[in-house]
Amino acid sequence: MNNELIDSLILAHLKAWEHFQPLRFAEDNINFKTPLDGIWYRLTVQHGINLMAGMADEPMTRELGAAVIQIFYPNNKRTESAKRLADSLGDHFKYYRIDKLELMTPSVINVPQREDGYQINVRIPFRYN
């Protein structure tokens, strides 16, 4: 199992994104003060159900999952900048490969109205062979 390695590779790639702003990034299990204005975002790596992808001297496991970047934006503001940011994230992550990690086709998903703001998710499926 390579959960920690997969997480660190994806996080490192997010931090290499040209628009990455550490003060607007909420990291799992770390206290975060939500900015009063503007966009902020959170990365969640969702590990999925693994499968046996081959057999040689021993079984080869393929680990599947998705990286989800949630983009949060205040209510009553135009959403173009949040959508541009989502598109930029999708472009940064699509078809990226490092080590045994392959990131695949991203999807930008609008989330229904939230009481405290607007949300867009960028979901990037991955596999680790």
N, C-alpha and C. Protein backbone atom coordinates (compact mmCIF):
# COMPACT_ATOMS: atom_id res chain seq x y z
N MET A 1 0.85 -1.19 0.00
CA MET A 1 0.00 0.00 0.00
C MET A 1 0.89 1.25 0.00
N ASN A 2 0.45 2.23 -0.74
CA ASN A 2 1.26 3.43 -0.95
C ASN A 2 0.50 4.72 -0.66
N ASN A 3 -0.44 4.69 0.29
CA ASN A 3 -1.29 5.85 0.54
C ASN A 3 -0.50 7.12 0.83
N GLU A 4 0.46 7.04 1.73
CA GLU A 4 1.21 8.23 2.12
C GLU A 4 2.03 8.76 0.95
N LEU A 5 2.63 7.86 0.17
CA LEU A 5 3.42 8.27 -0.99
C LEU A 5 2.54 8.96 -2.03
N ILE A 6 1.39 8.37 -2.33
CA ILE A 6 0.45 8.96 -3.29
C ILE A 6 0.04 10.35 -2.83
N ASP A 7 -0.35 10.46 -1.55
CA ASP A 7 -0.75 11.76 -0.99
C ASP A 7 0.35 12.80 -1.16
N SER A 8 1.60 12.41 -0.83
CA SER A 8 2.71 13.39 -0.89
C SER A 8 3.03 13.79 -2.32
N LEU A 9 2.92 12.87 -3.27
CA LEU A 9 3.17 13.22 -4.68
C LEU A 9 2.12 14.20 -5.21
N ILE A 10 0.87 13.95 -4.85
CA ILE A 10 -0.21 14.84 -5.30
C ILE A 10 -0.08 16.22 -4.64
N LEU A 11 0.20 16.24 -3.34
CA LEU A 11 0.36 17.52 -2.64
C LEU A 11 1.54 18.31 -3.21
N ALA A 12 2.63 17.64 -3.49
CA ALA A 12 3.80 18.33 -4.06
C ALA A 12 3.45 18.93 -5.42
N HIS A 13 2.67 18.21 -6.21
CA HIS A 13 2.29 18.74 -7.51
C HIS A 13 1.36 19.94 -7.36
N LEU A 14 0.44 19.89 -6.39
CA LEU A 14 -0.42 21.05 -6.13
C LEU A 14 0.42 22.26 -5.73
N LYS A 15 1.39 22.05 -4.88
CA LYS A 15 2.23 23.17 -4.43
C LYS A 15 3.10 23.73 -5.55
N ALA A 16 3.30 22.98 -6.63
CA ALA A 16 4.05 23.46 -7.79
C ALA A 16 3.18 24.26 -8.76
N TRP A 17 1.87 24.27 -8.54
CA TRP A 17 0.92 25.01 -9.38
C TRP A 17 1.24 26.50 -9.30
N GLU A 18 1.24 27.20 -10.42
CA GLU A 18 1.66 28.60 -10.47
C GLU A 18 0.81 29.53 -9.61
N HIS A 19 -0.44 29.16 -9.32
CA HIS A 19 -1.33 30.03 -8.53
C HIS A 19 -1.44 29.59 -7.07
N PHE A 20 -0.62 28.63 -6.65
CA PHE A 20 -0.71 28.13 -5.27
C PHE A 20 -0.40 29.24 -4.27
N GLN A 21 -1.29 29.40 -3.29
CA GLN A 21 -1.11 30.39 -2.22
C GLN A 21 -1.26 29.67 -0.88
N PRO A 22 -0.17 29.46 -0.16
CA PRO A 22 -0.23 28.70 1.09
C PRO A 22 -1.24 29.23 2.10
N LEU A 23 -1.44 30.55 2.14
CA LEU A 23 -2.37 31.11 3.13
C LEU A 23 -3.84 30.88 2.76
N ARG A 24 -4.10 30.40 1.55
CA ARG A 24 -5.46 30.11 1.10
C ARG A 24 -5.70 28.61 0.95
N PHE A 25 -4.76 27.81 1.47
CA PHE A 25 -4.84 26.36 1.34
C PHE A 25 -5.11 25.72 2.70
N ALA A 26 -6.21 24.98 2.77
CA ALA A 26 -6.55 24.23 3.99
C ALA A 26 -6.02 22.81 3.85
N GLU A 27 -5.16 22.42 4.75
CA GLU A 27 -4.57 21.08 4.70
C GLU A 27 -5.31 20.17 5.68
N ASP A 28 -5.46 18.90 5.31
CA ASP A 28 -6.16 17.94 6.17
C ASP A 28 -5.59 17.94 7.59
N ASN A 29 -6.50 17.99 8.56
CA ASN A 29 -6.18 17.84 9.98
C ASN A 29 -5.25 18.93 10.53
N ILE A 30 -5.18 20.07 9.87
CA ILE A 30 -4.39 21.21 10.33
C ILE A 30 -5.35 22.38 10.51
N ASN A 31 -5.24 23.06 11.63
CA ASN A 31 -6.12 24.22 11.87
C ASN A 31 -5.96 25.23 10.73
N PHE A 32 -7.08 25.78 10.28
CA PHE A 32 -7.07 26.71 9.16
C PHE A 32 -8.07 27.82 9.44
N LYS A 33 -7.62 29.04 9.28
CA LYS A 33 -8.52 30.19 9.45
C LYS A 33 -9.03 30.58 8.06
N THR A 34 -10.33 30.43 7.86
CA THR A 34 -10.94 30.75 6.57
C THR A 34 -10.76 32.24 6.27
N PRO A 35 -10.24 32.59 5.10
CA PRO A 35 -10.10 34.00 4.74
C PRO A 35 -11.46 34.69 4.71
N LEU A 36 -11.50 35.94 5.12
CA LEU A 36 -12.76 36.69 5.14
C LEU A 36 -13.24 37.03 3.74
N ASP A 37 -12.32 37.10 2.80
CA ASP A 37 -12.71 37.41 1.42
C ASP A 37 -11.92 36.54 0.46
N GLY A 38 -12.42 36.40 -0.71
CA GLY A 38 -11.69 35.70 -1.76
C GLY A 38 -11.79 34.19 -1.68
N ILE A 39 -11.05 33.58 -2.55
CA ILE A 39 -11.07 32.13 -2.75
C ILE A 39 -10.13 31.44 -1.76
N TRP A 40 -10.54 30.26 -1.33
CA TRP A 40 -9.64 29.36 -0.62
C TRP A 40 -9.94 27.94 -1.08
N TYR A 41 -9.04 27.00 -0.83
CA TYR A 41 -9.21 25.67 -1.37
C TYR A 41 -8.64 24.61 -0.44
N ARG A 42 -9.11 23.38 -0.65
CA ARG A 42 -8.71 22.23 0.16
C ARG A 42 -8.50 21.03 -0.75
N LEU A 43 -7.45 20.27 -0.48
CA LEU A 43 -7.16 19.03 -1.21
C LEU A 43 -7.57 17.84 -0.34
N THR A 44 -8.30 16.92 -0.94
CA THR A 44 -8.60 15.64 -0.30
C THR A 44 -8.25 14.54 -1.29
N VAL A 45 -7.42 13.60 -0.84
CA VAL A 45 -7.09 12.46 -1.67
C VAL A 45 -7.97 11.30 -1.23
N GLN A 46 -8.82 10.85 -2.14
CA GLN A 46 -9.77 9.78 -1.84
C GLN A 46 -9.23 8.49 -2.44
N HIS A 47 -8.75 7.63 -1.57
CA HIS A 47 -8.25 6.33 -2.04
C HIS A 47 -9.43 5.41 -2.26
N GLY A 48 -9.40 4.67 -3.36
CA GLY A 48 -10.53 3.83 -3.72
C GLY A 48 -10.25 2.36 -3.51
N ILE A 49 -10.97 1.55 -4.25
CA ILE A 49 -10.84 0.11 -4.18
C ILE A 49 -9.72 -0.32 -5.13
N ASN A 50 -8.76 -1.05 -4.60
CA ASN A 50 -7.62 -1.50 -5.39
C ASN A 50 -7.94 -2.81 -6.09
N LEU A 51 -7.10 -3.15 -7.08
CA LEU A 51 -7.32 -4.41 -7.78
C LEU A 51 -6.00 -5.03 -8.17
N MET A 52 -6.04 -6.32 -8.42
CA MET A 52 -4.85 -7.00 -8.90
C MET A 52 -4.75 -6.75 -10.40
N ALA A 53 -3.64 -6.18 -10.83
CA ALA A 53 -3.49 -5.80 -12.24
C ALA A 53 -2.60 -6.76 -13.01
N GLY A 54 -1.93 -7.66 -12.33
CA GLY A 54 -1.06 -8.59 -13.02
C GLY A 54 -0.43 -9.56 -12.06
N MET A 55 0.20 -10.58 -12.64
CA MET A 55 0.83 -11.61 -11.82
C MET A 55 2.17 -11.96 -12.45
N ALA A 56 3.21 -11.86 -11.67
CA ALA A 56 4.54 -12.29 -12.10
C ALA A 56 5.08 -13.15 -10.96
N ASP A 57 6.19 -12.74 -10.37
CA ASP A 57 6.69 -13.46 -9.20
C ASP A 57 5.72 -13.31 -8.03
N GLU A 58 5.01 -12.20 -8.03
CA GLU A 58 3.99 -11.93 -7.01
C GLU A 58 2.91 -11.06 -7.63
N PRO A 59 1.74 -10.98 -7.01
CA PRO A 59 0.67 -10.16 -7.59
C PRO A 59 1.06 -8.68 -7.65
N MET A 60 0.61 -7.99 -8.70
CA MET A 60 0.82 -6.55 -8.84
C MET A 60 -0.49 -5.85 -8.51
N THR A 61 -0.44 -4.92 -7.59
CA THR A 61 -1.63 -4.20 -7.17
C THR A 61 -1.70 -2.86 -7.88
N ARG A 62 -2.86 -2.51 -8.39
CA ARG A 62 -3.11 -1.19 -8.95
C ARG A 62 -3.99 -0.45 -7.93
N GLU A 63 -3.50 0.68 -7.45
CA GLU A 63 -4.24 1.49 -6.48
C GLU A 63 -4.97 2.59 -7.23
N LEU A 64 -6.25 2.71 -6.97
CA LEU A 64 -7.11 3.67 -7.67
C LEU A 64 -7.68 4.67 -6.68
N GLY A 65 -8.02 5.85 -7.19
CA GLY A 65 -8.62 6.86 -6.35
C GLY A 65 -8.81 8.15 -7.12
N ALA A 66 -9.01 9.22 -6.37
CA ALA A 66 -9.18 10.54 -6.98
C ALA A 66 -8.66 11.61 -6.02
N ALA A 67 -8.04 12.61 -6.61
CA ALA A 67 -7.70 13.82 -5.86
C ALA A 67 -8.83 14.80 -6.10
N VAL A 68 -9.38 15.36 -5.02
CA VAL A 68 -10.46 16.33 -5.14
C VAL A 68 -9.98 17.64 -4.51
N ILE A 69 -10.01 18.68 -5.32
CA ILE A 69 -9.66 20.01 -4.81
C ILE A 69 -10.94 20.81 -4.77
N GLN A 70 -11.34 21.17 -3.55
CA GLN A 70 -12.55 21.97 -3.35
C GLN A 70 -12.14 23.44 -3.36
N ILE A 71 -12.82 24.22 -4.19
CA ILE A 71 -12.57 25.66 -4.26
C ILE A 71 -13.79 26.35 -3.66
N PHE A 72 -13.57 27.18 -2.65
CA PHE A 72 -14.64 27.89 -1.96
C PHE A 72 -14.56 29.37 -2.29
N TYR A 73 -15.72 29.97 -2.49
CA TYR A 73 -15.81 31.36 -2.90
C TYR A 73 -16.98 32.00 -2.18
N PRO A 74 -16.87 33.28 -1.75
CA PRO A 74 -17.96 33.92 -0.99
C PRO A 74 -19.25 34.06 -1.81
N ASN A 75 -20.37 34.07 -1.11
CA ASN A 75 -21.67 34.33 -1.73
C ASN A 75 -21.74 35.74 -2.31
N ASN A 76 -22.66 35.91 -3.25
CA ASN A 76 -22.98 37.21 -3.83
C ASN A 76 -21.80 37.88 -4.54
N LYS A 77 -20.96 37.08 -5.12
CA LYS A 77 -19.85 37.59 -5.94
C LYS A 77 -19.88 36.83 -7.25
N ARG A 78 -19.45 37.44 -8.31
CA ARG A 78 -19.39 36.76 -9.61
C ARG A 78 -18.40 35.61 -9.51
N THR A 79 -18.64 34.55 -10.24
CA THR A 79 -17.87 33.32 -10.07
C THR A 79 -16.80 33.09 -11.13
N GLU A 80 -16.59 34.02 -12.03
CA GLU A 80 -15.64 33.80 -13.11
C GLU A 80 -14.24 33.47 -12.60
N SER A 81 -13.78 34.16 -11.57
CA SER A 81 -12.41 33.91 -11.08
C SER A 81 -12.29 32.52 -10.48
N ALA A 82 -13.34 32.05 -9.79
CA ALA A 82 -13.30 30.69 -9.24
C ALA A 82 -13.28 29.66 -10.37
N LYS A 83 -14.04 29.92 -11.42
CA LYS A 83 -14.07 28.99 -12.55
C LYS A 83 -12.74 28.99 -13.31
N ARG A 84 -12.12 30.15 -13.45
CA ARG A 84 -10.80 30.21 -14.10
C ARG A 84 -9.77 29.44 -13.28
N LEU A 85 -9.86 29.58 -11.96
CA LEU A 85 -8.95 28.86 -11.08
C LEU A 85 -9.16 27.35 -11.21
N ALA A 86 -10.41 26.91 -11.27
CA ALA A 86 -10.71 25.48 -11.44
C ALA A 86 -10.15 24.97 -12.77
N ASP A 87 -10.33 25.74 -13.83
CA ASP A 87 -9.79 25.35 -15.13
C ASP A 87 -8.26 25.26 -15.09
N SER A 88 -7.63 26.21 -14.42
CA SER A 88 -6.18 26.22 -14.30
C SER A 88 -5.69 24.98 -13.53
N LEU A 89 -6.39 24.64 -12.46
CA LEU A 89 -6.04 23.43 -11.70
C LEU A 89 -6.18 22.18 -12.56
N GLY A 90 -7.29 22.10 -13.31
CA GLY A 90 -7.49 20.96 -14.20
C GLY A 90 -6.37 20.84 -15.21
N ASP A 91 -5.96 21.96 -15.80
CA ASP A 91 -4.87 21.95 -16.77
C ASP A 91 -3.54 21.53 -16.12
N HIS A 92 -3.34 21.97 -14.88
CA HIS A 92 -2.09 21.65 -14.18
C HIS A 92 -2.00 20.15 -13.87
N PHE A 93 -3.11 19.54 -13.53
CA PHE A 93 -3.11 18.15 -13.09
C PHE A 93 -3.33 17.13 -14.20
N LYS A 94 -3.94 17.52 -15.32
CA LYS A 94 -4.34 16.52 -16.31
C LYS A 94 -3.13 15.78 -16.90
N TYR A 95 -3.27 14.48 -16.93
CA TYR A 95 -2.30 13.57 -17.56
C TYR A 95 -0.88 13.72 -17.02
N TYR A 96 -0.77 14.15 -15.78
CA TYR A 96 0.54 14.26 -15.12
C TYR A 96 0.97 12.88 -14.66
N ARG A 97 2.25 12.59 -14.79
CA ARG A 97 2.78 11.30 -14.37
C ARG A 97 4.10 11.51 -13.65
N ILE A 98 4.23 10.87 -12.50
CA ILE A 98 5.49 10.87 -11.77
C ILE A 98 5.61 9.52 -11.04
N ASP A 99 6.79 8.96 -11.10
CA ASP A 99 7.02 7.67 -10.47
C ASP A 99 5.98 6.68 -11.02
N LYS A 100 5.23 6.02 -10.18
CA LYS A 100 4.20 5.07 -10.63
C LYS A 100 2.80 5.69 -10.59
N LEU A 101 2.71 6.99 -10.33
CA LEU A 101 1.43 7.68 -10.20
C LEU A 101 1.04 8.31 -11.54
N GLU A 102 -0.18 8.02 -11.98
CA GLU A 102 -0.72 8.62 -13.20
C GLU A 102 -2.01 9.35 -12.84
N LEU A 103 -2.05 10.64 -13.16
CA LEU A 103 -3.28 11.41 -12.99
C LEU A 103 -3.99 11.45 -14.33
N MET A 104 -5.29 11.31 -14.30
CA MET A 104 -6.04 11.18 -15.55
C MET A 104 -6.88 12.43 -15.83
N THR A 105 -7.99 12.26 -16.52
CA THR A 105 -8.80 13.38 -16.99
C THR A 105 -9.54 14.06 -15.85
N PRO A 106 -9.29 15.35 -15.60
CA PRO A 106 -9.99 16.06 -14.54
C PRO A 106 -11.42 16.44 -14.94
N SER A 107 -12.25 16.60 -13.94
CA SER A 107 -13.61 17.11 -14.13
C SER A 107 -13.81 18.29 -13.19
N VAL A 108 -14.49 19.31 -13.70
CA VAL A 108 -14.86 20.47 -12.87
C VAL A 108 -16.34 20.33 -12.57
N ILE A 109 -16.67 20.30 -11.27
CA ILE A 109 -18.03 20.01 -10.84
C ILE A 109 -18.54 21.14 -9.96
N ASN A 110 -19.63 21.77 -10.39
CA ASN A 110 -20.28 22.78 -9.55
C ASN A 110 -21.03 22.08 -8.43
N VAL A 111 -20.91 22.60 -7.22
CA VAL A 111 -21.62 22.06 -6.08
C VAL A 111 -22.81 22.97 -5.82
N PRO A 112 -23.98 22.42 -5.52
CA PRO A 112 -25.14 23.27 -5.26
C PRO A 112 -24.84 24.33 -4.19
N GLN A 113 -25.62 25.37 -4.22
CA GLN A 113 -25.45 26.51 -3.30
C GLN A 113 -25.23 26.05 -1.86
N ARG A 114 -24.23 26.60 -1.24
CA ARG A 114 -23.96 26.36 0.18
C ARG A 114 -24.36 27.59 0.95
N GLU A 115 -24.68 27.44 2.21
CA GLU A 115 -25.13 28.58 3.01
C GLU A 115 -24.05 29.64 3.19
N ASP A 116 -22.78 29.21 3.19
CA ASP A 116 -21.70 30.17 3.43
C ASP A 116 -20.83 30.41 2.21
N GLY A 117 -21.32 30.09 1.02
CA GLY A 117 -20.54 30.40 -0.17
C GLY A 117 -20.80 29.47 -1.33
N TYR A 118 -20.02 29.67 -2.34
CA TYR A 118 -20.09 28.93 -3.60
C TYR A 118 -18.94 27.93 -3.61
N GLN A 119 -19.15 26.79 -4.23
CA GLN A 119 -18.11 25.77 -4.26
C GLN A 119 -18.02 25.11 -5.63
N ILE A 120 -16.78 24.89 -6.07
CA ILE A 120 -16.49 24.12 -7.27
C ILE A 120 -15.48 23.05 -6.86
N ASN A 121 -15.69 21.83 -7.33
CA ASN A 121 -14.73 20.76 -7.08
C ASN A 121 -14.01 20.41 -8.38
N VAL A 122 -12.70 20.24 -8.28
CA VAL A 122 -11.92 19.71 -9.38
C VAL A 122 -11.53 18.30 -8.96
N ARG A 123 -12.03 17.32 -9.71
CA ARG A 123 -11.81 15.92 -9.36
C ARG A 123 -10.89 15.30 -10.41
N ILE A 124 -9.77 14.73 -9.93
CA ILE A 124 -8.77 14.15 -10.83
C ILE A 124 -8.58 12.68 -10.44
N PRO A 125 -9.09 11.75 -11.24
CA PRO A 125 -8.86 10.34 -10.95
C PRO A 125 -7.37 10.00 -11.08
N PHE A 126 -6.93 9.01 -10.31
CA PHE A 126 -5.54 8.57 -10.41
C PHE A 126 -5.46 7.06 -10.33
N ARG A 127 -4.31 6.57 -10.79
CA ARG A 127 -3.96 5.17 -10.56
C ARG A 127 -2.47 5.11 -10.23
N TYR A 128 -2.14 4.17 -9.39
CA TYR A 128 -0.76 3.96 -8.99
C TYR A 128 -0.44 2.48 -9.24
N ASN A 129 0.47 2.23 -10.15
CA ASN A 129 0.81 0.84 -10.53
C ASN A 129 2.10 0.40 -9.87
